[in-house]
């Protein structure tokens, strides 16, 4: 998440929407986070609902 934050830090919404590289990089990082979260075992996610 820090990496994603660093990509957009100081960037306006208009700048973000105009910058396809940044939006693609953020989307890819969110995909990686989502895939990793999907693979976390149930016994851990049941104790940590924020995952």
N, C-alpha and C. Protein backbone atom coordinates (compact mmCIF):
# COMPACT_ATOMS: atom_id res chain seq x y z
N UNK A 1 0.82 -1.18 0.00
CA UNK A 1 0.00 0.00 0.00
C UNK A 1 0.87 1.26 0.00
N UNK A 2 2.01 1.19 0.65
CA UNK A 2 2.90 2.35 0.67
C UNK A 2 3.38 2.68 -0.75
N UNK A 3 3.65 1.65 -1.50
CA UNK A 3 4.09 1.84 -2.88
C UNK A 3 3.02 2.58 -3.69
N UNK A 4 1.77 2.16 -3.51
CA UNK A 4 0.66 2.80 -4.21
C UNK A 4 0.53 4.25 -3.78
N UNK A 5 0.63 4.47 -2.48
CA UNK A 5 0.56 5.84 -1.96
C UNK A 5 1.66 6.71 -2.58
N UNK A 6 2.85 6.16 -2.67
CA UNK A 6 3.96 6.92 -3.24
C UNK A 6 3.73 7.27 -4.71
N UNK A 7 3.04 6.41 -5.45
CA UNK A 7 2.77 6.68 -6.86
C UNK A 7 1.90 7.92 -7.04
N UNK A 8 0.96 8.14 -6.12
CA UNK A 8 0.00 9.23 -6.30
C UNK A 8 0.23 10.41 -5.36
N UNK A 9 1.21 10.32 -4.50
CA UNK A 9 1.48 11.40 -3.56
C UNK A 9 1.73 12.71 -4.31
N UNK A 10 0.93 13.70 -4.03
CA UNK A 10 1.08 15.00 -4.67
C UNK A 10 0.43 15.10 -6.04
N UNK A 11 -0.20 14.03 -6.49
CA UNK A 11 -0.82 14.03 -7.82
C UNK A 11 -2.30 14.41 -7.69
N UNK A 12 -2.77 15.26 -8.57
CA UNK A 12 -4.19 15.60 -8.59
C UNK A 12 -4.98 14.47 -9.24
N UNK A 13 -6.28 14.48 -9.04
CA UNK A 13 -7.14 13.48 -9.67
C UNK A 13 -7.04 13.60 -11.19
N UNK A 14 -7.00 14.82 -11.68
CA UNK A 14 -6.89 15.03 -13.12
C UNK A 14 -5.56 14.47 -13.65
N UNK A 15 -4.50 14.71 -12.90
CA UNK A 15 -3.19 14.18 -13.29
C UNK A 15 -3.17 12.67 -13.27
N UNK A 16 -3.79 12.09 -12.26
CA UNK A 16 -3.86 10.63 -12.16
C UNK A 16 -4.63 10.05 -13.35
N UNK A 17 -5.78 10.63 -13.64
CA UNK A 17 -6.60 10.11 -14.73
C UNK A 17 -5.92 10.26 -16.09
N UNK A 18 -5.05 11.24 -16.22
CA UNK A 18 -4.34 11.46 -17.48
C UNK A 18 -3.09 10.60 -17.61
N UNK A 19 -2.66 9.98 -16.52
CA UNK A 19 -1.39 9.23 -16.50
C UNK A 19 -1.67 7.73 -16.48
N UNK A 20 -1.73 7.14 -17.66
CA UNK A 20 -2.08 5.71 -17.74
C UNK A 20 -1.01 4.81 -17.12
N UNK A 21 0.23 5.22 -17.13
CA UNK A 21 1.29 4.39 -16.51
C UNK A 21 1.06 4.27 -15.01
N UNK A 22 0.75 5.40 -14.38
CA UNK A 22 0.51 5.37 -12.94
C UNK A 22 -0.73 4.56 -12.61
N UNK A 23 -1.81 4.77 -13.34
CA UNK A 23 -3.03 4.00 -13.05
C UNK A 23 -2.81 2.52 -13.31
N UNK A 24 -2.07 2.16 -14.35
CA UNK A 24 -1.76 0.76 -14.61
C UNK A 24 -0.90 0.16 -13.50
N UNK A 25 0.07 0.92 -13.02
CA UNK A 25 0.94 0.44 -11.94
C UNK A 25 0.14 0.22 -10.66
N UNK A 26 -0.77 1.13 -10.37
CA UNK A 26 -1.60 0.99 -9.17
C UNK A 26 -2.51 -0.22 -9.31
N UNK A 27 -3.14 -0.37 -10.45
CA UNK A 27 -4.01 -1.52 -10.69
C UNK A 27 -3.24 -2.82 -10.52
N UNK A 28 -2.06 -2.90 -11.06
CA UNK A 28 -1.25 -4.12 -10.94
C UNK A 28 -0.91 -4.41 -9.49
N UNK A 29 -0.54 -3.38 -8.73
CA UNK A 29 -0.22 -3.59 -7.32
C UNK A 29 -1.45 -4.03 -6.54
N UNK A 30 -2.62 -3.49 -6.86
CA UNK A 30 -3.85 -3.93 -6.19
C UNK A 30 -4.17 -5.38 -6.55
N UNK A 31 -3.91 -5.79 -7.77
CA UNK A 31 -4.10 -7.19 -8.17
C UNK A 31 -3.20 -8.11 -7.35
N UNK A 32 -1.96 -7.71 -7.16
CA UNK A 32 -1.00 -8.52 -6.39
C UNK A 32 -1.46 -8.63 -4.94
N UNK A 33 -1.90 -7.52 -4.36
CA UNK A 33 -2.38 -7.53 -2.98
C UNK A 33 -3.62 -8.42 -2.87
N UNK A 34 -4.54 -8.29 -3.81
CA UNK A 34 -5.76 -9.10 -3.79
C UNK A 34 -5.47 -10.59 -3.91
N UNK A 35 -4.56 -10.95 -4.78
CA UNK A 35 -4.19 -12.36 -4.94
C UNK A 35 -3.53 -12.89 -3.68
N UNK A 36 -2.66 -12.11 -3.08
CA UNK A 36 -2.01 -12.54 -1.84
C UNK A 36 -3.04 -12.70 -0.72
N UNK A 37 -3.99 -11.77 -0.63
CA UNK A 37 -5.02 -11.85 0.40
C UNK A 37 -5.91 -13.08 0.19
N UNK A 38 -6.17 -13.41 -1.06
CA UNK A 38 -7.00 -14.59 -1.36
C UNK A 38 -6.33 -15.88 -0.90
N UNK A 39 -5.02 -15.90 -0.85
CA UNK A 39 -4.28 -17.11 -0.49
C UNK A 39 -4.02 -17.25 1.01
N UNK A 40 -4.42 -16.25 1.79
CA UNK A 40 -4.22 -16.33 3.24
C UNK A 40 -5.17 -17.40 3.78
N UNK A 41 -4.68 -18.32 4.61
CA UNK A 41 -5.51 -19.41 5.13
C UNK A 41 -6.72 -18.89 5.93
N UNK A 42 -7.81 -19.67 5.89
CA UNK A 42 -9.04 -19.30 6.59
C UNK A 42 -8.85 -19.10 8.08
N UNK A 43 -7.98 -19.90 8.71
CA UNK A 43 -7.80 -19.77 10.15
C UNK A 43 -7.20 -18.42 10.53
N UNK A 44 -6.49 -17.80 9.62
CA UNK A 44 -5.92 -16.48 9.87
C UNK A 44 -6.95 -15.40 9.56
N UNK A 45 -7.64 -15.51 8.43
CA UNK A 45 -8.63 -14.48 8.08
C UNK A 45 -9.80 -14.47 9.05
N UNK A 46 -10.12 -15.61 9.66
CA UNK A 46 -11.22 -15.62 10.64
C UNK A 46 -10.84 -14.86 11.90
N UNK A 47 -9.55 -14.77 12.20
CA UNK A 47 -9.09 -14.01 13.38
C UNK A 47 -8.76 -12.57 13.05
N UNK A 48 -8.55 -12.27 11.78
CA UNK A 48 -8.17 -10.92 11.35
C UNK A 48 -9.09 -10.51 10.20
N UNK A 49 -10.26 -9.99 10.54
CA UNK A 49 -11.30 -9.70 9.55
C UNK A 49 -10.93 -8.61 8.55
N UNK A 50 -9.91 -7.80 8.86
CA UNK A 50 -9.53 -6.74 7.94
C UNK A 50 -8.80 -7.27 6.70
N UNK A 51 -8.42 -8.56 6.71
CA UNK A 51 -7.74 -9.16 5.55
C UNK A 51 -8.78 -9.51 4.50
